[in-house]
Amino acid sequence: MLHLTPFLTVYCCVLAAVFGACMGSFLNCMAWRVVHGESVLRGRSHCDACGHVLGARDLVPIVSYLASGRLADGLLGGFGVALGLLAVVTVLEKRMGREAMGGGDLKLLFVTGLFFGWKGNLLCLILACIFGIVFGLLAAGRAFPFAASCRKSAVLGAYLRRMGAENDDKDRCIVSIGHRSTHLYIYHGAAFDSRREIDVGGRLIDEQIAEHCGVDIHLAHSYMRSDYNGVLEADYAREAYSRLAVEIMKAVNFYNYNNRDRELHDLYICGGGGGIEPMLRTIVETTRLTLHPVSELLSQQLSTEEPWTYLRAIGGVSEGIKGGLA
């Protein structure tokens, strides 16, 4: 029988934890790549949402995620608010000589803190107390579950959060579809926030048309521009639209994940692909965003019949975009 010393026991546990984390990370990556048709052995590791290539410091399982700081706000919202309320309840129960709140209420506030962060969860607690006062008056001295107030405050908090994303400081995404690549310009209100580049553009449509119609790439481009024989509605063209739409959705999801107090709803498409209706429909169906005409961003002096082509050079129209965008 193998005799394990305390040191050997700790060593084996640490080794098993490290090995398990590495295998879990690799199997998760392998499963994602197999499902999405990517090579398991080739290609650098990248973010699933935006395609950003990960560096060495981003590839340490568990540690990299904890070091990124994204978990801190949720843990602070969960532990901070729940433990703060626990301290208040403990003092109150000692003074009253009886139980004032059940443990389930604290657990519920901990979960809402993970979702809303500390600011949002503090708002939920305040709203729950308001609801609790109303319920207490209606209960006429009888005990009532505080969890009901917490649930209602969480729903109201989520609603207020969504409404806050729809005010004058709402986020907008301008998608400029170029020939070889697509650029996303994201604005928070009138302020520029971030820029993303996608290695998919209008050339992919030309390549699909050239392959299925048996013509060279230049003739395929003229087919695309004139919609020769309805090529823009063909299934092979829709495959190109879907690929671009998925990449846009990944970039938007990545932005929403990193900005949990906001939510991007509005989309403006310009560039050479801004006039391809089947592509616009596919992007809207995939991203579930609200598509606006880019003419909304132009002042009346700069309005054109084809604003998506006018805005192709986004950096050159800063004087004509409403509210100082770009």
C-alpha atoms as a PDB file:
ATOM      1  CA  MET A   1       0.000   0.000   0.000  1.00  0.00           C
ATOM      2  CA  LEU A   2       1.350   3.405  -1.046  1.00  0.00           C
ATOM      3  CA  HIS A   3       2.063   5.679   1.904  1.00  0.00           C
ATOM      4  CA  LEU A   4       1.397   9.355   1.127  1.00  0.00           C
ATOM      5  CA  THR A   5       3.157  11.943   3.204  1.00  0.00           C
ATOM      6  CA  PRO A   6       1.432  15.339   3.682  1.00  0.00           C
ATOM      7  CA  PHE A   7       3.888  16.892   1.227  1.00  0.00           C
ATOM      8  CA  LEU A   8       3.238  14.204  -1.400  1.00  0.00           C
ATOM      9  CA  THR A   9      -0.510  14.566  -0.902  1.00  0.00           C
ATOM     10  CA  VAL A  10      -0.381  18.329  -1.477  1.00  0.00           C
ATOM     11  CA  TYR A  11       1.948  17.815  -4.451  1.00  0.00           C
ATOM     12  CA  CYS A  12      -0.402  15.306  -6.086  1.00  0.00           C
ATOM     13  CA  CYS A  13      -3.431  17.550  -5.511  1.00  0.00           C
ATOM     14  CA  VAL A  14      -1.689  20.573  -7.032  1.00  0.00           C
ATOM     15  CA  LEU A  15      -0.451  18.495  -9.973  1.00  0.00           C
ATOM     16  CA  ALA A  16      -3.941  17.096 -10.558  1.00  0.00           C
ATOM     17  CA  ALA A  17      -5.467  20.599 -10.400  1.00  0.00           C
ATOM     18  CA  VAL A  18      -2.968  22.022 -12.899  1.00  0.00           C
ATOM     19  CA  PHE A  19      -3.300  19.036 -15.227  1.00  0.00           C
ATOM     20  CA  GLY A  20      -7.088  19.124 -14.998  1.00  0.00           C
ATOM     21  CA  ALA A  21      -7.220  22.861 -15.743  1.00  0.00           C
ATOM     22  CA  CYS A  22      -4.940  22.462 -18.761  1.00  0.00           C
ATOM     23  CA  MET A  23      -6.869  19.479 -20.125  1.00  0.00           C
ATOM     24  CA  GLY A  24     -10.196  21.205 -19.537  1.00  0.00           C
ATOM     25  CA  SER A  25      -8.969  24.301 -21.382  1.00  0.00           C
ATOM     26  CA  PHE A  26      -7.631  22.229 -24.290  1.00  0.00           C
ATOM     27  CA  LEU A  27     -10.765  20.071 -24.599  1.00  0.00           C
ATOM     28  CA  ASN A  28     -12.966  23.170 -24.535  1.00  0.00           C
ATOM     29  CA  CYS A  29     -10.835  24.761 -27.289  1.00  0.00           C
ATOM     30  CA  MET A  30     -10.838  21.534 -29.307  1.00  0.00           C
ATOM     31  CA  ALA A  31     -14.612  21.153 -29.051  1.00  0.00           C
ATOM     32  CA  TRP A  32     -15.177  24.763 -30.156  1.00  0.00           C
ATOM     33  CA  ARG A  33     -12.819  24.431 -33.127  1.00  0.00           C
ATOM     34  CA  VAL A  34     -14.285  21.123 -34.290  1.00  0.00           C
ATOM     35  CA  VAL A  35     -17.823  22.508 -34.179  1.00  0.00           C
ATOM     36  CA  HIS A  36     -16.778  25.647 -36.105  1.00  0.00           C
ATOM     37  CA  GLY A  37     -14.699  23.793 -38.679  1.00  0.00           C
ATOM     38  CA  GLU A  38     -11.290  25.045 -37.518  1.00  0.00           C
ATOM     39  CA  SER A  39      -8.068  23.045 -37.257  1.00  0.00           C
ATOM     40  CA  VAL A  40      -7.282  21.715 -33.795  1.00  0.00           C
ATOM     41  CA  LEU A  41      -3.517  21.717 -34.333  1.00  0.00           C
ATOM     42  CA  ARG A  42      -3.028  24.797 -36.508  1.00  0.00           C
ATOM     43  CA  GLY A  43      -3.708  28.447 -35.811  1.00  0.00           C
ATOM     44  CA  ARG A  44      -3.105  30.634 -32.769  1.00  0.00           C
ATOM     45  CA  SER A  45      -5.571  30.675 -29.908  1.00  0.00           C
ATOM     46  CA  HIS A  46      -8.001  33.549 -30.260  1.00  0.00           C
ATOM     47  CA  CYS A  47     -11.032  35.087 -28.590  1.00  0.00           C
ATOM     48  CA  ASP A  48     -14.294  33.406 -29.597  1.00  0.00           C
ATOM     49  CA  ALA A  49     -16.126  36.727 -29.605  1.00  0.00           C
ATOM     50  CA  CYS A  50     -13.864  39.078 -31.569  1.00  0.00           C
ATOM     51  CA  GLY A  51     -11.104  36.897 -33.017  1.00  0.00           C
ATOM     52  CA  HIS A  52      -8.304  38.723 -31.123  1.00  0.00           C
ATOM     53  CA  VAL A  53      -5.177  36.539 -31.000  1.00  0.00           C
ATOM     54  CA  LEU A  54      -4.319  35.637 -27.399  1.00  0.00           C
ATOM     55  CA  GLY A  55      -0.872  36.194 -25.965  1.00  0.00           C
ATOM     56  CA  ALA A  56       1.035  33.968 -23.553  1.00  0.00           C
ATOM     57  CA  ARG A  57      -0.335  35.754 -20.483  1.00  0.00           C
ATOM     58  CA  ASP A  58      -3.894  35.110 -21.722  1.00  0.00           C
ATOM     59  CA  LEU A  59      -3.426  31.343 -21.993  1.00  0.00           C
ATOM     60  CA  VAL A  60      -2.902  30.324 -18.354  1.00  0.00           C
ATOM     61  CA  PRO A  61      -6.119  28.461 -17.386  1.00  0.00           C
ATOM     62  CA  ILE A  62      -8.165  30.089 -14.605  1.00  0.00           C
ATOM     63  CA  VAL A  63      -5.329  32.439 -13.610  1.00  0.00           C
ATOM     64  CA  SER A  64      -5.593  34.508 -16.802  1.00  0.00           C
ATOM     65  CA  TYR A  65      -9.331  34.929 -16.326  1.00  0.00           C
ATOM     66  CA  LEU A  66      -8.955  35.976 -12.707  1.00  0.00           C
ATOM     67  CA  ALA A  67      -6.140  38.380 -13.592  1.00  0.00           C
ATOM     68  CA  SER A  68      -8.212  40.061 -16.295  1.00  0.00           C
ATOM     69  CA  GLY A  69     -10.334  41.784 -13.630  1.00  0.00           C
ATOM     70  CA  ARG A  70     -13.638  40.923 -15.298  1.00  0.00           C
ATOM     71  CA  LEU A  71     -14.638  38.751 -12.391  1.00  0.00           C
ATOM     72  CA  ALA A  72     -13.855  41.369  -9.743  1.00  0.00           C
ATOM     73  CA  ASP A  73     -16.961  43.518 -10.287  1.00  0.00           C
ATOM     74  CA  GLY A  74     -19.285  40.516 -10.097  1.00  0.00           C
ATOM     75  CA  LEU A  75     -17.632  39.095  -6.982  1.00  0.00           C
ATOM     76  CA  LEU A  76     -17.658  42.508  -5.316  1.00  0.00           C
ATOM     77  CA  GLY A  77     -21.323  42.887  -6.175  1.00  0.00           C
ATOM     78  CA  GLY A  78     -22.117  39.430  -4.850  1.00  0.00           C
ATOM     79  CA  PHE A  79     -19.979  39.186  -1.730  1.00  0.00           C
ATOM     80  CA  GLY A  80     -19.867  42.888  -0.892  1.00  0.00           C
ATOM     81  CA  VAL A  81     -23.602  43.559  -0.900  1.00  0.00           C
ATOM     82  CA  ALA A  82     -24.598  40.171   0.539  1.00  0.00           C
ATOM     83  CA  LEU A  83     -22.052  40.305   3.369  1.00  0.00           C
ATOM     84  CA  GLY A  84     -22.919  43.927   4.099  1.00  0.00           C
ATOM     85  CA  LEU A  85     -26.576  43.001   4.401  1.00  0.00           C
ATOM     86  CA  LEU A  86     -25.664  39.980   6.540  1.00  0.00           C
ATOM     87  CA  ALA A  87     -23.854  42.251   8.996  1.00  0.00           C
ATOM     88  CA  VAL A  88     -26.847  44.581   9.246  1.00  0.00           C
ATOM     89  CA  VAL A  89     -29.260  41.661   9.698  1.00  0.00           C
ATOM     90  CA  THR A  90     -27.048  40.083  12.389  1.00  0.00           C
ATOM     91  CA  VAL A  91     -27.052  43.302  14.421  1.00  0.00           C
ATOM     92  CA  LEU A  92     -30.799  43.676  13.938  1.00  0.00           C
ATOM     93  CA  GLU A  93     -31.499  40.097  15.040  1.00  0.00           C
ATOM     94  CA  LYS A  94     -29.445  40.545  18.235  1.00  0.00           C
ATOM     95  CA  ARG A  95     -31.477  43.623  19.105  1.00  0.00           C
ATOM     96  CA  MET A  96     -34.815  42.026  18.239  1.00  0.00           C
ATOM     97  CA  GLY A  97     -34.005  38.660  19.782  1.00  0.00           C
ATOM     98  CA  ARG A  98     -35.463  36.761  16.817  1.00  0.00           C
ATOM     99  CA  GLU A  99     -34.735  35.893  13.206  1.00  0.00           C
ATOM    100  CA  ALA A 100     -35.194  38.856  10.852  1.00  0.00           C
ATOM    101  CA  MET A 101     -34.203  37.370   7.478  1.00  0.00           C
ATOM    102  CA  GLY A 102     -33.691  33.914   6.025  1.00  0.00           C
ATOM    103  CA  GLY A 103     -30.506  32.699   4.370  1.00  0.00           C
ATOM    104  CA  GLY A 104     -32.141  32.342   0.966  1.00  0.00           C
ATOM    105  CA  ASP A 105     -32.515  36.114   0.632  1.00  0.00           C
ATOM    106  CA  LEU A 106     -28.757  36.615   1.014  1.00  0.00           C
ATOM    107  CA  LYS A 107     -28.023  33.881  -1.525  1.00  0.00           C
ATOM    108  CA  LEU A 108     -30.371  35.525  -4.022  1.00  0.00           C
ATOM    109  CA  LEU A 109     -28.657  38.896  -3.576  1.00  0.00           C
ATOM    110  CA  PHE A 110     -25.302  37.200  -4.067  1.00  0.00           C
ATOM    111  CA  VAL A 111     -26.441  35.815  -7.444  1.00  0.00           C
ATOM    112  CA  THR A 112     -27.876  39.148  -8.596  1.00  0.00           C
ATOM    113  CA  GLY A 113     -24.548  40.740  -7.635  1.00  0.00           C
ATOM    114  CA  LEU A 114     -22.680  38.385  -9.964  1.00  0.00           C
ATOM    115  CA  PHE A 115     -24.943  39.533 -12.789  1.00  0.00           C
ATOM    116  CA  PHE A 116     -25.315  43.272 -12.079  1.00  0.00           C
ATOM    117  CA  GLY A 117     -21.992  44.093 -10.415  1.00  0.00           C
ATOM    118  CA  TRP A 118     -21.716  46.043  -7.178  1.00  0.00           C
ATOM    119  CA  LYS A 119     -23.410  49.228  -8.416  1.00  0.00           C
ATOM    120  CA  GLY A 120     -26.344  47.407  -9.958  1.00  0.00           C
ATOM    121  CA  ASN A 121     -26.745  45.101  -6.962  1.00  0.00           C
ATOM    122  CA  LEU A 122     -26.711  48.025  -4.554  1.00  0.00           C
ATOM    123  CA  LEU A 123     -29.553  49.517  -6.589  1.00  0.00           C
ATOM    124  CA  CYS A 124     -31.379  46.179  -6.394  1.00  0.00           C
ATOM    125  CA  LEU A 125     -30.994  46.152  -2.615  1.00  0.00           C
ATOM    126  CA  ILE A 126     -32.385  49.688  -2.305  1.00  0.00           C
ATOM    127  CA  LEU A 127     -35.326  48.825  -4.563  1.00  0.00           C
ATOM    128  CA  ALA A 128     -35.908  45.597  -2.619  1.00  0.00           C
ATOM    129  CA  CYS A 129     -36.060  47.574   0.637  1.00  0.00           C
ATOM    130  CA  ILE A 130     -38.633  49.930  -0.904  1.00  0.00           C
ATOM    131  CA  PHE A 131     -40.704  46.973  -2.068  1.00  0.00           C
ATOM    132  CA  GLY A 132     -40.250  45.396   1.372  1.00  0.00           C
ATOM    133  CA  ILE A 133     -41.615  48.504   3.119  1.00  0.00           C
ATOM    134  CA  VAL A 134     -44.693  48.421   0.886  1.00  0.00           C
ATOM    135  CA  PHE A 135     -45.206  44.693   1.466  1.00  0.00           C
ATOM    136  CA  GLY A 136     -44.670  45.176   5.225  1.00  0.00           C
ATOM    137  CA  LEU A 137     -47.405  47.805   5.375  1.00  0.00           C
ATOM    138  CA  LEU A 138     -49.752  45.558   3.436  1.00  0.00           C
ATOM    139  CA  ALA A 139     -48.880  42.527   5.606  1.00  0.00           C
ATOM    140  CA  ALA A 140     -49.956  44.421   8.741  1.00  0.00           C
ATOM    141  CA  GLY A 141     -47.257  43.044  11.004  1.00  0.00           C
ATOM    142  CA  ARG A 142     -47.172  39.498   9.613  1.00  0.00           C
ATOM    143  CA  ALA A 143     -43.919  37.920   8.439  1.00  0.00           C
ATOM    144  CA  PHE A 144     -43.379  37.932   4.675  1.00  0.00           C
ATOM    145  CA  PRO A 145     -40.566  36.636   2.418  1.00  0.00           C
ATOM    146  CA  PHE A 146     -38.034  39.304   1.503  1.00  0.00           C
ATOM    147  CA  ALA A 147     -36.994  37.200  -1.514  1.00  0.00           C
ATOM    148  CA  ALA A 148     -40.124  38.368  -3.329  1.00  0.00           C
ATOM    149  CA  SER A 149     -38.907  41.957  -3.002  1.00  0.00           C
ATOM    150  CA  CYS A 150     -35.458  40.933  -4.240  1.00  0.00           C
ATOM    151  CA  ARG A 151     -36.927  39.254  -7.319  1.00  0.00           C
ATOM    152  CA  LYS A 152     -39.036  42.274  -8.215  1.00  0.00           C
ATOM    153  CA  SER A 153     -36.110  44.642  -7.663  1.00  0.00           C
ATOM    154  CA  ALA A 154     -33.898  42.479  -9.916  1.00  0.00           C
ATOM    155  CA  VAL A 155     -36.485  42.589 -12.716  1.00  0.00           C
ATOM    156  CA  LEU A 156     -36.895  46.351 -12.293  1.00  0.00           C
ATOM    157  CA  GLY A 157     -33.113  46.797 -12.175  1.00  0.00           C
ATOM    158  CA  ALA A 158     -32.699  44.868 -15.427  1.00  0.00           C
ATOM    159  CA  TYR A 159     -35.402  47.035 -17.014  1.00  0.00           C
ATOM    160  CA  LEU A 160     -33.742  50.256 -15.847  1.00  0.00           C
ATOM    161  CA  ARG A 161     -30.434  48.973 -17.126  1.00  0.00           C
ATOM    162  CA  ARG A 162     -31.923  48.363 -20.571  1.00  0.00           C
ATOM    163  CA  MET A 163     -33.666  51.731 -20.552  1.00  0.00           C
ATOM    164  CA  GLY A 164     -30.384  53.382 -19.628  1.00  0.00           C
ATOM    165  CA  ALA A 165     -28.815  51.876 -22.748  1.00  0.00           C
ATOM    166  CA  GLU A 166     -31.500  53.544 -24.867  1.00  0.00           C
ATOM    167  CA  ASN A 167     -30.998  57.126 -23.710  1.00  0.00           C
ATOM    168  CA  ASP A 168     -29.119  59.881 -25.521  1.00  0.00           C
ATOM    169  CA  ASP A 169     -25.802  58.220 -24.659  1.00  0.00           C
ATOM    170  CA  LYS A 170     -26.733  55.026 -26.446  1.00  0.00           C
ATOM    171  CA  ASP A 171     -24.065  53.031 -28.230  1.00  0.00           C
ATOM    172  CA  ARG A 172     -23.846  52.912 -32.009  1.00  0.00           C
ATOM    173  CA  CYS A 173     -21.839  50.702 -34.312  1.00  0.00           C
ATOM    174  CA  ILE A 174     -20.878  51.896 -37.789  1.00  0.00           C
ATOM    175  CA  VAL A 175     -19.842  48.972 -39.999  1.00  0.00           C
ATOM    176  CA  SER A 176     -17.730  49.892 -43.012  1.00  0.00           C
ATOM    177  CA  ILE A 177     -17.673  46.926 -45.415  1.00  0.00           C
ATOM    178  CA  GLY A 178     -14.554  47.166 -47.547  1.00  0.00           C
ATOM    179  CA  HIS A 179     -13.204  44.947 -50.296  1.00  0.00           C
ATOM    180  CA  ARG A 180     -10.761  42.838 -48.285  1.00  0.00           C
ATOM    181  CA  SER A 181     -11.824  43.621 -44.716  1.00  0.00           C
ATOM    182  CA  THR A 182     -14.583  45.167 -42.630  1.00  0.00           C
ATOM    183  CA  HIS A 183     -14.111  47.789 -39.932  1.00  0.00           C
ATOM    184  CA  LEU A 184     -16.400  48.414 -36.965  1.00  0.00           C
ATOM    185  CA  TYR A 185     -16.424  51.866 -35.352  1.00  0.00           C
ATOM    186  CA  ILE A 186     -18.239  51.885 -32.012  1.00  0.00           C
ATOM    187  CA  TYR A 187     -19.401  55.121 -30.378  1.00  0.00           C
ATOM    188  CA  HIS A 188     -20.788  55.758 -26.916  1.00  0.00           C
ATOM    189  CA  GLY A 189     -23.043  58.738 -27.433  1.00  0.00           C
ATOM    190  CA  ALA A 190     -20.975  61.218 -29.445  1.00  0.00           C
ATOM    191  CA  ALA A 191     -17.635  59.859 -28.219  1.00  0.00           C
ATOM    192  CA  PHE A 192     -15.572  57.335 -30.154  1.00  0.00           C
ATOM    193  CA  ASP A 193     -15.084  54.189 -28.061  1.00  0.00           C
ATOM    194  CA  SER A 194     -13.325  51.472 -30.025  1.00  0.00           C
ATOM    195  CA  ARG A 195     -12.485  50.076 -33.433  1.00  0.00           C
ATOM    196  CA  ARG A 196     -12.445  46.464 -34.597  1.00  0.00           C
ATOM    197  CA  GLU A 197     -11.212  44.933 -37.840  1.00  0.00           C
ATOM    198  CA  ILE A 198     -12.656  41.800 -39.439  1.00  0.00           C
ATOM    199  CA  ASP A 199     -10.703  39.952 -42.133  1.00  0.00           C
ATOM    200  CA  VAL A 200     -13.839  39.438 -44.222  1.00  0.00           C
ATOM    201  CA  GLY A 201     -15.069  41.862 -46.855  1.00  0.00           C
ATOM    202  CA  GLY A 202     -16.781  42.160 -50.198  1.00  0.00           C
ATOM    203  CA  ARG A 203     -14.055  40.131 -51.902  1.00  0.00           C
ATOM    204  CA  LEU A 204     -15.487  36.997 -50.296  1.00  0.00           C
ATOM    205  CA  ILE A 205     -18.709  37.522 -52.258  1.00  0.00           C
ATOM    206  CA  ASP A 206     -16.719  37.984 -55.471  1.00  0.00           C
ATOM    207  CA  GLU A 207     -14.826  34.750 -54.786  1.00  0.00           C
ATOM    208  CA  GLN A 208     -18.040  32.819 -54.186  1.00  0.00           C
ATOM    209  CA  ILE A 209     -19.563  34.138 -57.419  1.00  0.00           C
ATOM    210  CA  ALA A 210     -16.370  33.417 -59.382  1.00  0.00           C
ATOM    211  CA  GLU A 211     -16.213  29.844 -58.071  1.00  0.00           C
ATOM    212  CA  HIS A 212     -19.848  28.966 -58.782  1.00  0.00           C
ATOM    213  CA  CYS A 213     -20.200  30.841 -62.070  1.00  0.00           C
ATOM    214  CA  GLY A 214     -16.826  29.785 -63.457  1.00  0.00           C
ATOM    215  CA  VAL A 215     -15.594  33.316 -64.192  1.00  0.00           C
ATOM    216  CA  ASP A 216     -12.566  35.329 -63.117  1.00  0.00           C
ATOM    217  CA  ILE A 217     -12.679  37.500 -60.013  1.00  0.00           C
ATOM    218  CA  HIS A 218     -13.006  40.784 -61.938  1.00  0.00           C
ATOM    219  CA  LEU A 219     -16.010  39.599 -63.944  1.00  0.00           C
ATOM    220  CA  ALA A 220     -17.497  38.183 -60.743  1.00  0.00           C
ATOM    221  CA  HIS A 221     -17.253  41.653 -59.201  1.00  0.00           C
ATOM    222  CA  SER A 222     -19.245  43.136 -62.092  1.00  0.00           C
ATOM    223  CA  TYR A 223     -21.811  40.340 -61.625  1.00  0.00           C
ATOM    224  CA  MET A 224     -22.112  41.361 -57.985  1.00  0.00           C
ATOM    225  CA  ARG A 225     -22.502  45.059 -58.749  1.00  0.00           C
ATOM    226  CA  SER A 226     -25.204  44.473 -61.377  1.00  0.00           C
ATOM    227  CA  ASP A 227     -26.802  41.459 -59.613  1.00  0.00           C
ATOM    228  CA  TYR A 228     -26.366  39.462 -62.815  1.00  0.00           C
ATOM    229  CA  ASN A 229     -28.886  36.595 -62.980  1.00  0.00           C
ATOM    230  CA  GLY A 230     -29.801  37.234 -59.341  1.00  0.00           C
ATOM    231  CA  VAL A 231     -26.404  36.178 -57.964  1.00  0.00           C
ATOM    232  CA  LEU A 232     -26.926  38.246 -54.800  1.00  0.00           C
ATOM    233  CA  GLU A 233     -29.855  36.018 -53.778  1.00  0.00           C
ATOM    234  CA  ALA A 234     -28.003  32.755 -54.507  1.00  0.00           C
ATOM    235  CA  ASP A 235     -27.237  30.335 -51.677  1.00  0.00           C
ATOM    236  CA  TYR A 236     -23.464  30.641 -52.170  1.00  0.00           C
ATOM    237  CA  ALA A 237     -23.706  34.420 -51.795  1.00  0.00           C
ATOM    238  CA  ARG A 238     -25.796  33.988 -48.653  1.00  0.00           C
ATOM    239  CA  GLU A 239     -23.013  31.829 -47.196  1.00  0.00           C
ATOM    240  CA  ALA A 240     -20.668  34.810 -47.546  1.00  0.00           C
ATOM    241  CA  TYR A 241     -23.242  37.109 -45.937  1.00  0.00           C
ATOM    242  CA  SER A 242     -23.654  34.702 -43.022  1.00  0.00           C
ATOM    243  CA  ARG A 243     -19.927  34.491 -42.423  1.00  0.00           C
ATOM    244  CA  LEU A 244     -19.623  38.278 -42.287  1.00  0.00           C
ATOM    245  CA  ALA A 245     -22.724  38.571 -40.082  1.00  0.00           C
ATOM    246  CA  VAL A 246     -21.334  36.052 -37.576  1.00  0.00           C
ATOM    247  CA  GLU A 247     -18.050  37.968 -37.326  1.00  0.00           C
ATOM    248  CA  ILE A 248     -19.934  41.220 -36.717  1.00  0.00           C
ATOM    249  CA  MET A 249     -22.034  39.502 -34.035  1.00  0.00           C
ATOM    250  CA  LYS A 250     -18.872  38.228 -32.303  1.00  0.00           C
ATOM    251  CA  ALA A 251     -17.402  41.730 -32.195  1.00  0.00           C
ATOM    252  CA  VAL A 252     -20.645  43.204 -30.828  1.00  0.00           C
ATOM    253  CA  ASN A 253     -20.948  40.464 -28.197  1.00  0.00           C
ATOM    254  CA  PHE A 254     -17.356  41.090 -27.122  1.00  0.00           C
ATOM    255  CA  TYR A 255     -18.100  44.801 -26.709  1.00  0.00           C
ATOM    256  CA  ASN A 256     -21.277  44.117 -24.701  1.00  0.00           C
ATOM    257  CA  TYR A 257     -19.390  41.651 -22.495  1.00  0.00           C
ATOM    258  CA  ASN A 258     -16.685  44.193 -21.668  1.00  0.00           C
ATOM    259  CA  ASN A 259     -19.236  46.987 -21.109  1.00  0.00           C
ATOM    260  CA  ARG A 260     -21.906  45.378 -18.976  1.00  0.00           C
ATOM    261  CA  ASP A 261     -23.448  48.698 -17.999  1.00  0.00           C
ATOM    262  CA  ARG A 262     -24.245  49.370 -21.662  1.00  0.00           C
ATOM    263  CA  GLU A 263     -25.760  47.459 -24.538  1.00  0.00           C
ATOM    264  CA  LEU A 264     -25.210  48.077 -28.219  1.00  0.00           C
ATOM    265  CA  HIS A 265     -28.482  48.081 -30.185  1.00  0.00           C
ATOM    266  CA  ASP A 266     -28.018  50.334 -33.212  1.00  0.00           C
ATOM    267  CA  LEU A 267     -26.200  49.417 -36.396  1.00  0.00           C
ATOM    268  CA  TYR A 268     -25.249  51.550 -39.400  1.00  0.00           C
ATOM    269  CA  ILE A 269     -23.735  49.917 -42.468  1.00  0.00           C
ATOM    270  CA  CYS A 270     -21.705  51.776 -45.061  1.00  0.00           C
ATOM    271  CA  GLY A 271     -18.982  51.052 -47.559  1.00  0.00           C
ATOM    272  CA  GLY A 272     -19.222  49.053 -50.778  1.00  0.00           C
ATOM    273  CA  GLY A 273     -21.570  46.458 -49.272  1.00  0.00           C
ATOM    274  CA  GLY A 274     -23.988  48.985 -47.783  1.00  0.00           C
ATOM    275  CA  GLY A 275     -26.354  48.721 -50.740  1.00  0.00           C
ATOM    276  CA  ILE A 276     -26.645  44.915 -50.908  1.00  0.00           C
ATOM    277  CA  GLU A 277     -30.110  44.274 -49.490  1.00  0.00           C
ATOM    278  CA  PRO A 278     -29.758  40.466 -49.015  1.00  0.00           C
ATOM    279  CA  MET A 279     -26.581  41.070 -47.015  1.00  0.00           C
ATOM    280  CA  LEU A 280     -28.269  43.680 -44.827  1.00  0.00           C
ATOM    281  CA  ARG A 281     -31.153  41.294 -44.100  1.00  0.00           C
ATOM    282  CA  THR A 282     -28.741  38.523 -43.136  1.00  0.00           C
ATOM    283  CA  ILE A 283     -26.772  40.806 -40.809  1.00  0.00           C
ATOM    284  CA  VAL A 284     -29.949  41.995 -39.072  1.00  0.00           C
ATOM    285  CA  GLU A 285     -31.305  38.438 -38.679  1.00  0.00           C
ATOM    286  CA  THR A 286     -28.000  37.203 -37.251  1.00  0.00           C
ATOM    287  CA  THR A 287     -27.050  40.074 -34.950  1.00  0.00           C
ATOM    288  CA  ARG A 288     -30.617  40.960 -33.841  1.00  0.00           C
ATOM    289  CA  LEU A 289     -29.579  44.631 -33.930  1.00  0.00           C
ATOM    290  CA  THR A 290     -31.657  47.535 -35.203  1.00  0.00           C
ATOM    291  CA  LEU A 291     -30.428  48.649 -38.614  1.00  0.00           C
ATOM    292  CA  HIS A 292     -30.595  52.379 -39.281  1.00  0.00           C
ATOM    293  CA  PRO A 293     -29.981  54.177 -42.567  1.00  0.00           C
ATOM    294  CA  VAL A 294     -26.604  55.880 -42.460  1.00  0.00           C
ATOM    295  CA  SER A 295     -28.283  59.048 -43.731  1.00  0.00           C
ATOM    296  CA  GLU A 296     -29.387  59.589 -40.097  1.00  0.00           C
ATOM    297  CA  LEU A 297     -25.757  60.367 -39.250  1.00  0.00           C
ATOM    298  CA  LEU A 298     -25.425  63.018 -41.936  1.00  0.00           C
ATOM    299  CA  SER A 299     -26.549  66.590 -41.781  1.00  0.00           C
ATOM    300  CA  GLN A 300     -28.943  67.785 -44.457  1.00  0.00           C
ATOM    301  CA  GLN A 301     -26.119  69.520 -46.313  1.00  0.00           C
ATOM    302  CA  LEU A 302     -24.320  66.216 -46.771  1.00  0.00           C
ATOM    303  CA  SER A 303     -27.268  63.965 -47.586  1.00  0.00           C
ATOM    304  CA  THR A 304     -26.803  61.889 -50.732  1.00  0.00           C
ATOM    305  CA  GLU A 305     -28.806  59.294 -52.629  1.00  0.00           C
ATOM    306  CA  GLU A 306     -26.256  56.627 -51.719  1.00  0.00           C
ATOM    307  CA  PRO A 307     -24.983  57.600 -48.255  1.00  0.00           C
ATOM    308  CA  TRP A 308     -23.376  54.195 -47.681  1.00  0.00           C
ATOM    309  CA  THR A 309     -20.840  54.965 -50.396  1.00  0.00           C
ATOM    310  CA  TYR A 310     -20.376  58.547 -49.195  1.00  0.00           C
ATOM    311  CA  LEU A 311     -19.461  57.306 -45.731  1.00  0.00           C
ATOM    312  CA  ARG A 312     -16.925  54.850 -47.075  1.00  0.00           C
ATOM    313  CA  ALA A 313     -14.137  57.130 -45.887  1.00  0.00           C
ATOM    314  CA  ILE A 314     -15.494  57.470 -42.362  1.00  0.00           C
ATOM    315  CA  GLY A 315     -12.648  59.593 -41.079  1.00  0.00           C
ATOM    316  CA  GLY A 316     -13.303  62.298 -43.649  1.00  0.00           C
ATOM    317  CA  VAL A 317     -16.829  63.189 -42.654  1.00  0.00           C
ATOM    318  CA  SER A 318     -16.358  64.267 -39.035  1.00  0.00           C
ATOM    319  CA  GLU A 319     -17.842  67.673 -39.797  1.00  0.00           C
ATOM    320  CA  GLY A 320     -20.941  66.206 -41.361  1.00  0.00           C
ATOM    321  CA  ILE A 321     -21.881  63.594 -38.773  1.00  0.00           C
ATOM    322  CA  LYS A 322     -24.463  64.722 -36.267  1.00  0.00           C
ATOM    323  CA  GLY A 323     -23.378  65.218 -32.684  1.00  0.00           C
ATOM    324  CA  GLY A 324     -19.685  65.134 -33.504  1.00  0.00           C
ATOM    325  CA  LEU A 325     -19.458  61.397 -34.182  1.00  0.00           C
ATOM    326  CA  ALA A 326     -16.116  60.266 -35.552  1.00  0.00           C
END
